[in-house]
Amino acid sequence: MLPRGVKELAIELFVADRERGEELITSIAALLPEGPTTFVRKPWLESVEELSPSLVRVALRATTAPGREWLADSFYSDLLKEKAEPGLIVHGPIVLAIDETAARSFARASAAMRWQARREAAA
């Protein structure tokens, strides 16, 4: 379990080639610092979605110490762009903070709305 007060981040990146994109992501992540005052957990692949033969959406997650979000937003993102072969990165990286409480609230509200819509349709 992670200590309280860490920042969970979602990183999204679109690449032209899945294999080369994944290699870039893991090789750069291996260079990053890891510890209680930097990346509590280095970026890791969460999911990969092939949208077309030349467009792949890569979703990553990372955990940083509070106030160290810049490590993902600037440092890691800049390294990815600098080390990528020309044309590999199509869009991104984009880094967003994850609010687990808001996500759970949205899921509950969404489920309630679906349930109500089904009930009204059946009536």
PDB file of N, CA and C in Angstrom:
ATOM      1  N   MET A   1       0.844  -1.186   0.000  1.00  0.00           N
ATOM      2  CA  MET A   1       0.000   0.000   0.000  1.00  0.00           C
ATOM      3  C   MET A   1       0.886   1.244   0.000  1.00  0.00           C
ATOM      4  N   LEU A   2       0.435   2.273  -0.706  1.00  0.00           N
ATOM      5  CA  LEU A   2       1.209   3.498  -0.810  1.00  0.00           C
ATOM      6  C   LEU A   2       0.938   4.405   0.380  1.00  0.00           C
ATOM      7  N   PRO A   3       1.939   5.178   0.775  1.00  0.00           N
ATOM      8  CA  PRO A   3       1.736   6.102   1.891  1.00  0.00           C
ATOM      9  C   PRO A   3       0.722   7.181   1.528  1.00  0.00           C
ATOM     10  N   ARG A   4       0.084   7.731   2.558  1.00  0.00           N
ATOM     11  CA  ARG A   4      -0.890   8.805   2.322  1.00  0.00           C
ATOM     12  C   ARG A   4      -0.173  10.057   1.814  1.00  0.00           C
ATOM     13  N   GLY A   5      -0.928  10.850   1.062  1.00  0.00           N
ATOM     14  CA  GLY A   5      -0.383  12.115   0.604  1.00  0.00           C
ATOM     15  C   GLY A   5       0.357  12.049  -0.707  1.00  0.00           C
ATOM     16  N   VAL A   6       0.412  10.901  -1.349  1.00  0.00           N
ATOM     17  CA  VAL A   6       1.081  10.833  -2.641  1.00  0.00           C
ATOM     18  C   VAL A   6       0.153  11.340  -3.727  1.00  0.00           C
ATOM     19  N   LYS A   7       0.716  11.695  -4.852  1.00  0.00           N
ATOM     20  CA  LYS A   7      -0.058  12.173  -5.992  1.00  0.00           C
ATOM     21  C   LYS A   7      -0.069  11.097  -7.073  1.00  0.00           C
ATOM     22  N   GLU A   8      -1.276  10.650  -7.415  1.00  0.00           N
ATOM     23  CA  GLU A   8      -1.452   9.685  -8.503  1.00  0.00           C
ATOM     24  C   GLU A   8      -1.649  10.472  -9.789  1.00  0.00           C
ATOM     25  N   LEU A   9      -0.910  10.106 -10.815  1.00  0.00           N
ATOM     26  CA  LEU A   9      -0.969  10.820 -12.083  1.00  0.00           C
ATOM     27  C   LEU A   9      -1.285   9.871 -13.224  1.00  0.00           C
ATOM     28  N   ALA A  10      -2.089  10.345 -14.155  1.00  0.00           N
ATOM     29  CA  ALA A  10      -2.359   9.620 -15.392  1.00  0.00           C
ATOM     30  C   ALA A  10      -1.595  10.338 -16.501  1.00  0.00           C
ATOM     31  N   ILE A  11      -0.915   9.559 -17.323  1.00  0.00           N
ATOM     32  CA  ILE A  11      -0.140  10.109 -18.429  1.00  0.00           C
ATOM     33  C   ILE A  11      -0.666   9.457 -19.701  1.00  0.00           C
ATOM     34  N   GLU A  12      -1.003  10.268 -20.683  1.00  0.00           N
ATOM     35  CA  GLU A  12      -1.530   9.733 -21.932  1.00  0.00           C
ATOM     36  C   GLU A  12      -0.637  10.195 -23.069  1.00  0.00           C
ATOM     37  N   LEU A  13      -0.376   9.270 -23.975  1.00  0.00           N
ATOM     38  CA  LEU A  13       0.553   9.514 -25.060  1.00  0.00           C
ATOM     39  C   LEU A  13       0.054   8.770 -26.290  1.00  0.00           C
ATOM     40  N   PHE A  14       0.164   9.382 -27.445  1.00  0.00           N
ATOM     41  CA  PHE A  14      -0.195   8.718 -28.699  1.00  0.00           C
ATOM     42  C   PHE A  14       1.077   8.554 -29.518  1.00  0.00           C
ATOM     43  N   VAL A  15       1.320   7.330 -29.967  1.00  0.00           N
ATOM     44  CA  VAL A  15       2.526   7.027 -30.732  1.00  0.00           C
ATOM     45  C   VAL A  15       2.155   6.386 -32.063  1.00  0.00           C
ATOM     46  N   ALA A  16       3.106   6.407 -33.002  1.00  0.00           N
ATOM     47  CA  ALA A  16       2.876   5.850 -34.339  1.00  0.00           C
ATOM     48  C   ALA A  16       3.156   4.353 -34.395  1.00  0.00           C
ATOM     49  N   ASP A  17       3.925   3.820 -33.450  1.00  0.00           N
ATOM     50  CA  ASP A  17       4.293   2.402 -33.456  1.00  0.00           C
ATOM     51  C   ASP A  17       4.284   1.865 -32.032  1.00  0.00           C
ATOM     52  N   ARG A  18       3.494   0.835 -31.792  1.00  0.00           N
ATOM     53  CA  ARG A  18       3.321   0.298 -30.431  1.00  0.00           C
ATOM     54  C   ARG A  18       4.638  -0.196 -29.825  1.00  0.00           C
ATOM     55  N   GLU A  19       5.343  -1.041 -30.535  1.00  0.00           N
ATOM     56  CA  GLU A  19       6.564  -1.641 -29.983  1.00  0.00           C
ATOM     57  C   GLU A  19       7.620  -0.586 -29.660  1.00  0.00           C
ATOM     58  N   ARG A  20       7.865   0.297 -30.603  1.00  0.00           N
ATOM     59  CA  ARG A  20       8.864   1.351 -30.363  1.00  0.00           C
ATOM     60  C   ARG A  20       8.411   2.308 -29.264  1.00  0.00           C
ATOM     61  N   GLY A  21       7.113   2.591 -29.204  1.00  0.00           N
ATOM     62  CA  GLY A  21       6.576   3.454 -28.157  1.00  0.00           C
ATOM     63  C   GLY A  21       6.751   2.844 -26.776  1.00  0.00           C
ATOM     64  N   GLU A  22       6.424   1.568 -26.645  1.00  0.00           N
ATOM     65  CA  GLU A  22       6.576   0.893 -25.349  1.00  0.00           C
ATOM     66  C   GLU A  22       8.044   0.817 -24.937  1.00  0.00           C
ATOM     67  N   GLU A  23       8.929   0.559 -25.905  1.00  0.00           N
ATOM     68  CA  GLU A  23      10.370   0.525 -25.602  1.00  0.00           C
ATOM     69  C   GLU A  23      10.852   1.881 -25.094  1.00  0.00           C
ATOM     70  N   LEU A  24      10.432   2.945 -25.758  1.00  0.00           N
ATOM     71  CA  LEU A  24      10.807   4.297 -25.334  1.00  0.00           C
ATOM     72  C   LEU A  24      10.329   4.568 -23.914  1.00  0.00           C
ATOM     73  N   ILE A  25       9.070   4.281 -23.643  1.00  0.00           N
ATOM     74  CA  ILE A  25       8.464   4.545 -22.336  1.00  0.00           C
ATOM     75  C   ILE A  25       9.209   3.817 -21.227  1.00  0.00           C
ATOM     76  N   THR A  26       9.476   2.531 -21.413  1.00  0.00           N
ATOM     77  CA  THR A  26      10.137   1.755 -20.354  1.00  0.00           C
ATOM     78  C   THR A  26      11.610   2.139 -20.203  1.00  0.00           C
ATOM     79  N   SER A  27      12.278   2.447 -21.310  1.00  0.00           N
ATOM     80  CA  SER A  27      13.699   2.806 -21.191  1.00  0.00           C
ATOM     81  C   SER A  27      13.881   4.140 -20.467  1.00  0.00           C
ATOM     82  N   ILE A  28      13.012   5.101 -20.730  1.00  0.00           N
ATOM     83  CA  ILE A  28      13.115   6.399 -20.054  1.00  0.00           C
ATOM     84  C   ILE A  28      12.679   6.265 -18.594  1.00  0.00           C
ATOM     85  N   ALA A  29      11.635   5.499 -18.327  1.00  0.00           N
ATOM     86  CA  ALA A  29      11.182   5.306 -16.939  1.00  0.00           C
ATOM     87  C   ALA A  29      12.292   4.691 -16.090  1.00  0.00           C
ATOM     88  N   ALA A  30      13.099   3.829 -16.674  1.00  0.00           N
ATOM     89  CA  ALA A  30      14.200   3.184 -15.931  1.00  0.00           C
ATOM     90  C   ALA A  30      15.238   4.200 -15.465  1.00  0.00           C
ATOM     91  N   LEU A  31      15.330   5.340 -16.116  1.00  0.00           N
ATOM     92  CA  LEU A  31      16.312   6.364 -15.759  1.00  0.00           C
ATOM     93  C   LEU A  31      15.852   7.268 -14.618  1.00  0.00           C
ATOM     94  N   LEU A  32      14.563   7.241 -14.314  1.00  0.00           N
ATOM     95  CA  LEU A  32      13.988   8.185 -13.360  1.00  0.00           C
ATOM     96  C   LEU A  32      14.313   7.831 -11.915  1.00  0.00           C
ATOM     97  N   PRO A  33      14.410   8.852 -11.065  1.00  0.00           N
ATOM     98  CA  PRO A  33      14.652   8.593  -9.645  1.00  0.00           C
ATOM     99  C   PRO A  33      13.402   7.994  -8.985  1.00  0.00           C
ATOM    100  N   GLU A  34      13.624   7.149  -7.995  1.00  0.00           N
ATOM    101  CA  GLU A  34      12.506   6.553  -7.259  1.00  0.00           C
ATOM    102  C   GLU A  34      12.814   6.602  -5.779  1.00  0.00           C
ATOM    103  N   GLY A  35      11.874   7.159  -5.021  1.00  0.00           N
ATOM    104  CA  GLY A  35      12.065   7.261  -3.578  1.00  0.00           C
ATOM    105  C   GLY A  35      10.959   8.096  -2.964  1.00  0.00           C
ATOM    106  N   PRO A  36      10.992   8.280  -1.666  1.00  0.00           N
ATOM    107  CA  PRO A  36       9.898   8.968  -0.970  1.00  0.00           C
ATOM    108  C   PRO A  36       9.770  10.447  -1.300  1.00  0.00           C
ATOM    109  N   THR A  37      10.796  11.061  -1.892  1.00  0.00           N
ATOM    110  CA  THR A  37      10.712  12.486  -2.214  1.00  0.00           C
ATOM    111  C   THR A  37      10.701  12.749  -3.718  1.00  0.00           C
ATOM    112  N   THR A  38      10.619  11.709  -4.542  1.00  0.00           N
ATOM    113  CA  THR A  38      10.583  11.883  -6.001  1.00  0.00           C
ATOM    114  C   THR A  38       9.407  11.077  -6.556  1.00  0.00           C
ATOM    115  N   PHE A  39       9.694  10.142  -7.452  1.00  0.00           N
ATOM    116  CA  PHE A  39       8.670   9.214  -7.902  1.00  0.00           C
ATOM    117  C   PHE A  39       8.540   8.148  -6.833  1.00  0.00           C
ATOM    118  N   VAL A  40       7.410   8.085  -6.177  1.00  0.00           N
ATOM    119  CA  VAL A  40       7.169   7.021  -5.204  1.00  0.00           C
ATOM    120  C   VAL A  40       7.080   5.707  -5.968  1.00  0.00           C
ATOM    121  N   ARG A  41       6.481   5.771  -7.156  1.00  0.00           N
ATOM    122  CA  ARG A  41       6.470   4.651  -8.095  1.00  0.00           C
ATOM    123  C   ARG A  41       6.667   5.227  -9.485  1.00  0.00           C
ATOM    124  N   LYS A  42       7.687   4.734 -10.185  1.00  0.00           N
ATOM    125  CA  LYS A  42       7.992   5.226 -11.521  1.00  0.00           C
ATOM    126  C   LYS A  42       6.827   4.950 -12.470  1.00  0.00           C
ATOM    127  N   PRO A  43       6.754   5.695 -13.577  1.00  0.00           N
ATOM    128  CA  PRO A  43       5.676   5.466 -14.539  1.00  0.00           C
ATOM    129  C   PRO A  43       5.633   4.018 -15.024  1.00  0.00           C
ATOM    130  N   TRP A  44       4.396   3.490 -15.124  1.00  0.00           N
ATOM    131  CA  TRP A  44       4.196   2.128 -15.620  1.00  0.00           C
ATOM    132  C   TRP A  44       3.053   2.125 -16.622  1.00  0.00           C
ATOM    133  N   LEU A  45       3.085   1.157 -17.528  1.00  0.00           N
ATOM    134  CA  LEU A  45       2.038   1.024 -18.533  1.00  0.00           C
ATOM    135  C   LEU A  45       0.747   0.559 -17.875  1.00  0.00           C
ATOM    136  N   GLU A  46      -0.326   1.277 -18.106  1.00  0.00           N
ATOM    137  CA  GLU A  46      -1.626   0.873 -17.595  1.00  0.00           C
ATOM    138  C   GLU A  46      -2.425   0.173 -18.689  1.00  0.00           C
ATOM    139  N   SER A  47      -2.411   0.758 -19.904  1.00  0.00           N
ATOM    140  CA  SER A  47      -3.106   0.125 -21.020  1.00  0.00           C
ATOM    141  C   SER A  47      -2.562   0.649 -22.335  1.00  0.00           C
ATOM    142  N   VAL A  48      -2.756  -0.160 -23.374  1.00  0.00           N
ATOM    143  CA  VAL A  48      -2.347   0.207 -24.725  1.00  0.00           C
ATOM    144  C   VAL A  48      -3.515  -0.110 -25.650  1.00  0.00           C
ATOM    145  N   GLU A  49      -3.873   0.852 -26.479  1.00  0.00           N
ATOM    146  CA  GLU A  49      -5.018   0.680 -27.379  1.00  0.00           C
ATOM    147  C   GLU A  49      -4.593   1.053 -28.798  1.00  0.00           C
ATOM    148  N   GLU A  50      -4.618   0.074 -29.688  1.00  0.00           N
ATOM    149  CA  GLU A  50      -4.258   0.322 -31.084  1.00  0.00           C
ATOM    150  C   GLU A  50      -5.484   0.874 -31.802  1.00  0.00           C
ATOM    151  N   LEU A  51      -5.443   2.155 -32.136  1.00  0.00           N
ATOM    152  CA  LEU A  51      -6.565   2.819 -32.796  1.00  0.00           C
ATOM    153  C   LEU A  51      -6.535   2.610 -34.305  1.00  0.00           C
ATOM    154  N   SER A  52      -5.336   2.481 -34.851  1.00  0.00           N
ATOM    155  CA  SER A  52      -5.132   2.191 -36.273  1.00  0.00           C
ATOM    156  C   SER A  52      -3.707   1.644 -36.395  1.00  0.00           C
ATOM    157  N   PRO A  53      -3.317   1.177 -37.575  1.00  0.00           N
ATOM    158  CA  PRO A  53      -1.949   0.665 -37.717  1.00  0.00           C
ATOM    159  C   PRO A  53      -0.861   1.699 -37.398  1.00  0.00           C
ATOM    160  N   SER A  54      -1.208   2.985 -37.478  1.00  0.00           N
ATOM    161  CA  SER A  54      -0.195   4.018 -37.219  1.00  0.00           C
ATOM    162  C   SER A  54      -0.570   4.961 -36.083  1.00  0.00           C
ATOM    163  N   LEU A  55      -1.522   4.544 -35.233  1.00  0.00           N
ATOM    164  CA  LEU A  55      -1.905   5.383 -34.104  1.00  0.00           C
ATOM    165  C   LEU A  55      -2.247   4.503 -32.906  1.00  0.00           C
ATOM    166  N   VAL A  56      -1.451   4.655 -31.850  1.00  0.00           N
ATOM    167  CA  VAL A  56      -1.597   3.843 -30.650  1.00  0.00           C
ATOM    168  C   VAL A  56      -1.698   4.759 -29.438  1.00  0.00           C
ATOM    169  N   ARG A  57      -2.756   4.555 -28.650  1.00  0.00           N
ATOM    170  CA  ARG A  57      -2.941   5.311 -27.402  1.00  0.00           C
ATOM    171  C   ARG A  57      -2.302   4.517 -26.273  1.00  0.00           C
ATOM    172  N   VAL A  58      -1.417   5.175 -25.537  1.00  0.00           N
ATOM    173  CA  VAL A  58      -0.740   4.544 -24.412  1.00  0.00           C
ATOM    174  C   VAL A  58      -1.121   5.285 -23.142  1.00  0.00           C
ATOM    175  N   ALA A  59      -1.677   4.562 -22.186  1.00  0.00           N
ATOM    176  CA  ALA A  59      -2.047   5.147 -20.898  1.00  0.00           C
ATOM    177  C   ALA A  59      -1.048   4.662 -19.853  1.00  0.00           C
ATOM    178  N   LEU A  60      -0.488   5.594 -19.131  1.00  0.00           N
ATOM    179  CA  LEU A  60       0.494   5.306 -18.089  1.00  0.00           C
ATOM    180  C   LEU A  60      -0.032   5.819 -16.762  1.00  0.00           C
ATOM    181  N   ARG A  61       0.539   5.337 -15.710  1.00  0.00           N
ATOM    182  CA  ARG A  61       0.271   5.855 -14.363  1.00  0.00           C
ATOM    183  C   ARG A  61       1.618   6.092 -13.704  1.00  0.00           C
ATOM    184  N   ALA A  62       1.631   7.026 -12.772  1.00  0.00           N
ATOM    185  CA  ALA A  62       2.830   7.306 -11.982  1.00  0.00           C
ATOM    186  C   ALA A  62       2.375   7.816 -10.620  1.00  0.00           C
ATOM    187  N   THR A  63       3.239   7.682  -9.644  1.00  0.00           N
ATOM    188  CA  THR A  63       2.956   8.175  -8.302  1.00  0.00           C
ATOM    189  C   THR A  63       4.137   9.017  -7.856  1.00  0.00           C
ATOM    190  N   THR A  64       3.854  10.262  -7.441  1.00  0.00           N
ATOM    191  CA  THR A  64       4.921  11.148  -6.981  1.00  0.00           C
ATOM    192  C   THR A  64       4.641  11.619  -5.564  1.00  0.00           C
ATOM    193  N   ALA A  65       5.690  12.124  -4.947  1.00  0.00           N
ATOM    194  CA  ALA A  65       5.540  12.793  -3.661  1.00  0.00           C
ATOM    195  C   ALA A  65       4.809  14.106  -3.913  1.00  0.00           C
ATOM    196  N   PRO A  66       4.052  14.598  -2.941  1.00  0.00           N
ATOM    197  CA  PRO A  66       3.349  15.877  -3.120  1.00  0.00           C
ATOM    198  C   PRO A  66       4.328  16.990  -3.514  1.00  0.00           C
ATOM    199  N   GLY A  67       3.913  17.790  -4.482  1.00  0.00           N
ATOM    200  CA  GLY A  67       4.762  18.876  -4.953  1.00  0.00           C
ATOM    201  C   GLY A  67       5.773  18.460  -5.998  1.00  0.00           C
ATOM    202  N   ARG A  68       5.862  17.161  -6.287  1.00  0.00           N
ATOM    203  CA  ARG A  68       6.829  16.658  -7.269  1.00  0.00           C
ATOM    204  C   ARG A  68       6.171  16.223  -8.570  1.00  0.00           C
ATOM    205  N   GLU A  69       4.940  16.684  -8.793  1.00  0.00           N
ATOM    206  CA  GLU A  69       4.229  16.318 -10.009  1.00  0.00           C
ATOM    207  C   GLU A  69       4.994  16.758 -11.260  1.00  0.00           C
ATOM    208  N   TRP A  70       5.804  17.799 -11.140  1.00  0.00           N
ATOM    209  CA  TRP A  70       6.593  18.301 -12.261  1.00  0.00           C
ATOM    210  C   TRP A  70       7.528  17.223 -12.810  1.00  0.00           C
ATOM    211  N   LEU A  71       7.893  16.255 -11.981  1.00  0.00           N
ATOM    212  CA  LEU A  71       8.754  15.180 -12.477  1.00  0.00           C
ATOM    213  C   LEU A  71       8.090  14.423 -13.624  1.00  0.00           C
ATOM    214  N   ALA A  72       6.781  14.232 -13.542  1.00  0.00           N
ATOM    215  CA  ALA A  72       6.046  13.565 -14.621  1.00  0.00           C
ATOM    216  C   ALA A  72       5.645  14.565 -15.699  1.00  0.00           C
ATOM    217  N   ASP A  73       5.143  15.714 -15.271  1.00  0.00           N
ATOM    218  CA  ASP A  73       4.592  16.697 -16.202  1.00  0.00           C
ATOM    219  C   ASP A  73       5.673  17.336 -17.067  1.00  0.00           C
ATOM    220  N   SER A  74       6.815  17.593 -16.520  1.00  0.00           N
ATOM    221  CA  SER A  74       7.886  18.248 -17.282  1.00  0.00           C
ATOM    222  C   SER A  74       9.049  17.306 -17.561  1.00  0.00           C
ATOM    223  N   PHE A  75       9.682  16.813 -16.518  1.00  0.00           N
ATOM    224  CA  PHE A  75      10.920  16.048 -16.671  1.00  0.00           C
ATOM    225  C   PHE A  75      10.723  14.792 -17.516  1.00  0.00           C
ATOM    226  N   TYR A  76       9.824  13.904 -17.105  1.00  0.00           N
ATOM    227  CA  TYR A  76       9.589  12.658 -17.842  1.00  0.00           C
ATOM    228  C   TYR A  76       9.046  12.952 -19.235  1.00  0.00           C
ATOM    229  N   SER A  77       8.090  13.860 -19.336  1.00  0.00           N
ATOM    230  CA  SER A  77       7.509  14.207 -20.637  1.00  0.00           C
ATOM    231  C   SER A  77       8.564  14.762 -21.588  1.00  0.00           C
ATOM    232  N   ASP A  78       9.421  15.639 -21.081  1.00  0.00           N
ATOM    233  CA  ASP A  78      10.481  16.212 -21.918  1.00  0.00           C
ATOM    234  C   ASP A  78      11.476  15.146 -22.362  1.00  0.00           C
ATOM    235  N   LEU A  79      11.841  14.241 -21.460  1.00  0.00           N
ATOM    236  CA  LEU A  79      12.760  13.162 -21.831  1.00  0.00           C
ATOM    237  C   LEU A  79      12.166  12.281 -22.923  1.00  0.00           C
ATOM    238  N   LEU A  80      10.890  11.952 -22.803  1.00  0.00           N
ATOM    239  CA  LEU A  80      10.236  11.144 -23.837  1.00  0.00           C
ATOM    240  C   LEU A  80      10.333  11.829 -25.199  1.00  0.00           C
ATOM    241  N   LYS A  81      10.010  13.115 -25.233  1.00  0.00           N
ATOM    242  CA  LYS A  81      10.032  13.851 -26.504  1.00  0.00           C
ATOM    243  C   LYS A  81      11.450  13.976 -27.063  1.00  0.00           C
ATOM    244  N   GLU A  82      12.420  14.194 -26.182  1.00  0.00           N
ATOM    245  CA  GLU A  82      13.805  14.359 -26.626  1.00  0.00           C
ATOM    246  C   GLU A  82      14.398  13.066 -27.158  1.00  0.00           C
ATOM    247  N   LYS A  83      14.077  11.950 -26.550  1.00  0.00           N
ATOM    248  CA  LYS A  83      14.681  10.664 -26.911  1.00  0.00           C
ATOM    249  C   LYS A  83      13.904   9.896 -27.981  1.00  0.00           C
ATOM    250  N   ALA A  84      12.694  10.329 -28.295  1.00  0.00           N
ATOM    251  CA  ALA A  84      11.875   9.636 -29.296  1.00  0.00           C
ATOM    252  C   ALA A  84      12.447   9.828 -30.692  1.00  0.00           C
ATOM    253  N   GLU A  85      12.336   8.776 -31.484  1.00  0.00           N
ATOM    254  CA  GLU A  85      12.710   8.888 -32.892  1.00  0.00           C
ATOM    255  C   GLU A  85      11.758   9.888 -33.550  1.00  0.00           C
ATOM    256  N   PRO A  86      12.218  10.602 -34.561  1.00  0.00           N
ATOM    257  CA  PRO A  86      11.332  11.556 -35.240  1.00  0.00           C
ATOM    258  C   PRO A  86      10.055  10.861 -35.732  1.00  0.00           C
ATOM    259  N   GLY A  87       8.907  11.477 -35.434  1.00  0.00           N
ATOM    260  CA  GLY A  87       7.632  10.956 -35.892  1.00  0.00           C
ATOM    261  C   GLY A  87       7.006   9.889 -35.005  1.00  0.00           C
ATOM    262  N   LEU A  88       7.730   9.415 -33.990  1.00  0.00           N
ATOM    263  CA  LEU A  88       7.174   8.362 -33.136  1.00  0.00           C
ATOM    264  C   LEU A  88       6.035   8.890 -32.262  1.00  0.00           C
ATOM    265  N   ILE A  89       6.263  10.016 -31.582  1.00  0.00           N
ATOM    266  CA  ILE A  89       5.211  10.598 -30.740  1.00  0.00           C
ATOM    267  C   ILE A  89       4.309  11.449 -31.619  1.00  0.00           C
ATOM    268  N   VAL A  90       3.042  11.045 -31.670  1.00  0.00           N
ATOM    269  CA  VAL A  90       2.051  11.746 -32.484  1.00  0.00           C
ATOM    270  C   VAL A  90       1.417  12.882 -31.687  1.00  0.00           C
ATOM    271  N   HIS A  91       1.155  12.628 -30.388  1.00  0.00           N
ATOM    272  CA  HIS A  91       0.546  13.642 -29.520  1.00  0.00           C
ATOM    273  C   HIS A  91       0.879  13.333 -28.071  1.00  0.00           C
ATOM    274  N   GLY A  92       1.118  14.389 -27.298  1.00  0.00           N
ATOM    275  CA  GLY A  92       1.375  14.215 -25.873  1.00  0.00           C
ATOM    276  C   GLY A  92       2.853  14.293 -25.589  1.00  0.00           C
ATOM    277  N   PRO A  93       3.193  13.868 -24.419  1.00  0.00           N
ATOM    278  CA  PRO A  93       2.401  13.331 -23.321  1.00  0.00           C
ATOM    279  C   PRO A  93       1.578  14.408 -22.607  1.00  0.00           C
ATOM    280  N   ILE A  94       0.441  13.965 -22.111  1.00  0.00           N
ATOM    281  CA  ILE A  94      -0.430  14.806 -21.300  1.00  0.00           C
ATOM    282  C   ILE A  94      -0.511  14.167 -19.920  1.00  0.00           C
ATOM    283  N   VAL A  95      -0.313  14.967 -18.888  1.00  0.00           N
ATOM    284  CA  VAL A  95      -0.306  14.466 -17.513  1.00  0.00           C
ATOM    285  C   VAL A  95      -1.466  15.102 -16.750  1.00  0.00           C
ATOM    286  N   LEU A  96      -2.252  14.258 -16.085  1.00  0.00           N
ATOM    287  CA  LEU A  96      -3.388  14.722 -15.291  1.00  0.00           C
ATOM    288  C   LEU A  96      -3.348  14.077 -13.915  1.00  0.00           C
ATOM    289  N   ALA A  97      -3.714  14.844 -12.907  1.00  0.00           N
ATOM    290  CA  ALA A  97      -3.824  14.283 -11.563  1.00  0.00           C
ATOM    291  C   ALA A  97      -5.083  13.431 -11.496  1.00  0.00           C
ATOM    292  N   ILE A  98      -5.007  12.326 -10.784  1.00  0.00           N
ATOM    293  CA  ILE A  98      -6.142  11.422 -10.618  1.00  0.00           C
ATOM    294  C   ILE A  98      -6.753  11.666  -9.256  1.00  0.00           C
ATOM    295  N   ASP A  99      -8.042  11.907  -9.255  1.00  0.00           N
ATOM    296  CA  ASP A  99      -8.786  12.106  -8.015  1.00  0.00           C
ATOM    297  C   ASP A  99      -9.674  10.884  -7.830  1.00  0.00           C
ATOM    298  N   GLU A 100      -9.217   9.920  -7.030  1.00  0.00           N
ATOM    299  CA  GLU A 100      -9.945   8.664  -6.835  1.00  0.00           C
ATOM    300  C   GLU A 100     -11.321   8.889  -6.227  1.00  0.00           C
ATOM    301  N   THR A 101     -11.451   9.846  -5.325  1.00  0.00           N
ATOM    302  CA  THR A 101     -12.745  10.116  -4.703  1.00  0.00           C
ATOM    303  C   THR A 101     -13.740  10.609  -5.748  1.00  0.00           C
ATOM    304  N   ALA A 102     -13.317  11.508  -6.603  1.00  0.00           N
ATOM    305  CA  ALA A 102     -14.196  12.019  -7.653  1.00  0.00           C
ATOM    306  C   ALA A 102     -14.572  10.914  -8.632  1.00  0.00           C
ATOM    307  N   ALA A 103     -13.626  10.044  -8.966  1.00  0.00           N
ATOM    308  CA  ALA A 103     -13.910   8.942  -9.890  1.00  0.00           C
ATOM    309  C   ALA A 103     -14.958   7.997  -9.303  1.00  0.00           C
ATOM    310  N   ARG A 104     -14.854   7.679  -8.007  1.00  0.00           N
ATOM    311  CA  ARG A 104     -15.845   6.806  -7.365  1.00  0.00           C
ATOM    312  C   ARG A 104     -17.214   7.475  -7.326  1.00  0.00           C
ATOM    313  N   SER A 105     -17.257   8.772  -7.022  1.00  0.00           N
ATOM    314  CA  SER A 105     -18.518   9.502  -6.985  1.00  0.00           C
ATOM    315  C   SER A 105     -19.174   9.521  -8.365  1.00  0.00           C
ATOM    316  N   PHE A 106     -18.380   9.755  -9.396  1.00  0.00           N
ATOM    317  CA  PHE A 106     -18.904   9.769 -10.759  1.00  0.00           C
ATOM    318  C   PHE A 106     -19.454   8.398 -11.135  1.00  0.00           C
ATOM    319  N   ALA A 107     -18.739   7.331 -10.786  1.00  0.00           N
ATOM    320  CA  ALA A 107     -19.196   5.976 -11.103  1.00  0.00           C
ATOM    321  C   ALA A 107     -20.526   5.683 -10.424  1.00  0.00           C
ATOM    322  N   ARG A 108     -20.670   6.074  -9.164  1.00  0.00           N
ATOM    323  CA  ARG A 108     -21.937   5.866  -8.448  1.00  0.00           C
ATOM    324  C   ARG A 108     -23.069   6.652  -9.100  1.00  0.00           C
ATOM    325  N   ALA A 109     -22.820   7.915  -9.417  1.00  0.00           N
ATOM    326  CA  ALA A 109     -23.851   8.748 -10.038  1.00  0.00           C
ATOM    327  C   ALA A 109     -24.234   8.210 -11.407  1.00  0.00           C
ATOM    328  N   SER A 110     -23.260   7.774 -12.166  1.00  0.00           N
ATOM    329  CA  SER A 110     -23.515   7.219 -13.492  1.00  0.00           C
ATOM    330  C   SER A 110     -24.358   5.954 -13.407  1.00  0.00           C
ATOM    331  N   ALA A 111     -24.036   5.073 -12.468  1.00  0.00           N
ATOM    332  CA  ALA A 111     -24.802   3.842 -12.284  1.00  0.00           C
ATOM    333  C   ALA A 111     -26.232   4.156 -11.865  1.00  0.00           C
ATOM    334  N   ALA A 112     -26.414   5.144 -10.997  1.00  0.00           N
ATOM    335  CA  ALA A 112     -27.751   5.528 -10.548  1.00  0.00           C
ATOM    336  C   ALA A 112     -28.576   6.079 -11.712  1.00  0.00           C
ATOM    337  N   MET A 113     -27.939   6.859 -12.574  1.00  0.00           N
ATOM    338  CA  MET A 113     -28.651   7.415 -13.730  1.00  0.00           C
ATOM    339  C   MET A 113     -29.053   6.311 -14.701  1.00  0.00           C
ATOM    340  N   ARG A 114     -28.187   5.325 -14.933  1.00  0.00           N
ATOM    341  CA  ARG A 114     -28.525   4.204 -15.813  1.00  0.00           C
ATOM    342  C   ARG A 114     -29.676   3.395 -15.233  1.00  0.00           C
ATOM    343  N   TRP A 115     -29.637   3.153 -13.935  1.00  0.00           N
ATOM    344  CA  TRP A 115     -30.696   2.394 -13.273  1.00  0.00           C
ATOM    345  C   TRP A 115     -32.034   3.128 -13.411  1.00  0.00           C
ATOM    346  N   GLN A 116     -32.021   4.446 -13.193  1.00  0.00           N
ATOM    347  CA  GLN A 116     -33.247   5.241 -13.289  1.00  0.00           C
ATOM    348  C   GLN A 116     -33.781   5.236 -14.721  1.00  0.00           C
ATOM    349  N   ALA A 117     -32.900   5.351 -15.699  1.00  0.00           N
ATOM    350  CA  ALA A 117     -33.331   5.349 -17.104  1.00  0.00           C
ATOM    351  C   ALA A 117     -33.970   4.016 -17.474  1.00  0.00           C
ATOM    352  N   ARG A 118     -33.392   2.895 -17.008  1.00  0.00           N
ATOM    353  CA  ARG A 118     -33.975   1.572 -17.282  1.00  0.00           C
ATOM    354  C   ARG A 118     -35.335   1.436 -16.627  1.00  0.00           C
ATOM    355  N   ARG A 119     -35.454   1.934 -15.418  1.00  0.00           N
ATOM    356  CA  ARG A 119     -36.715   1.852 -14.674  1.00  0.00           C
ATOM    357  C   ARG A 119     -37.809   2.657 -15.388  1.00  0.00           C
ATOM    358  N   GLU A 120     -37.457   3.858 -15.868  1.00  0.00           N
ATOM    359  CA  GLU A 120     -38.422   4.685 -16.573  1.00  0.00           C
ATOM    360  C   GLU A 120     -38.807   4.068 -17.912  1.00  0.00           C
ATOM    361  N   ALA A 121     -37.846   3.428 -18.596  1.00  0.00           N
ATOM    362  CA  ALA A 121     -38.125   2.785 -19.884  1.00  0.00           C
ATOM    363  C   ALA A 121     -39.047   1.585 -19.707  1.00  0.00           C
ATOM    364  N   ALA A 122     -38.921   0.897 -18.598  1.00  0.00           N
ATOM    365  CA  ALA A 122     -39.754  -0.285 -18.333  1.00  0.00           C
ATOM    366  C   ALA A 122     -41.175   0.106 -17.921  1.00  0.00           C
ATOM    367  N   ALA A 123     -41.342   1.316 -17.425  1.00  0.00           N
ATOM    368  CA  ALA A 123     -42.665   1.756 -16.932  1.00  0.00           C
ATOM    369  C   ALA A 123     -43.626   2.125 -18.026  1.00  0.00           C
TER     370      ALA A 123
END
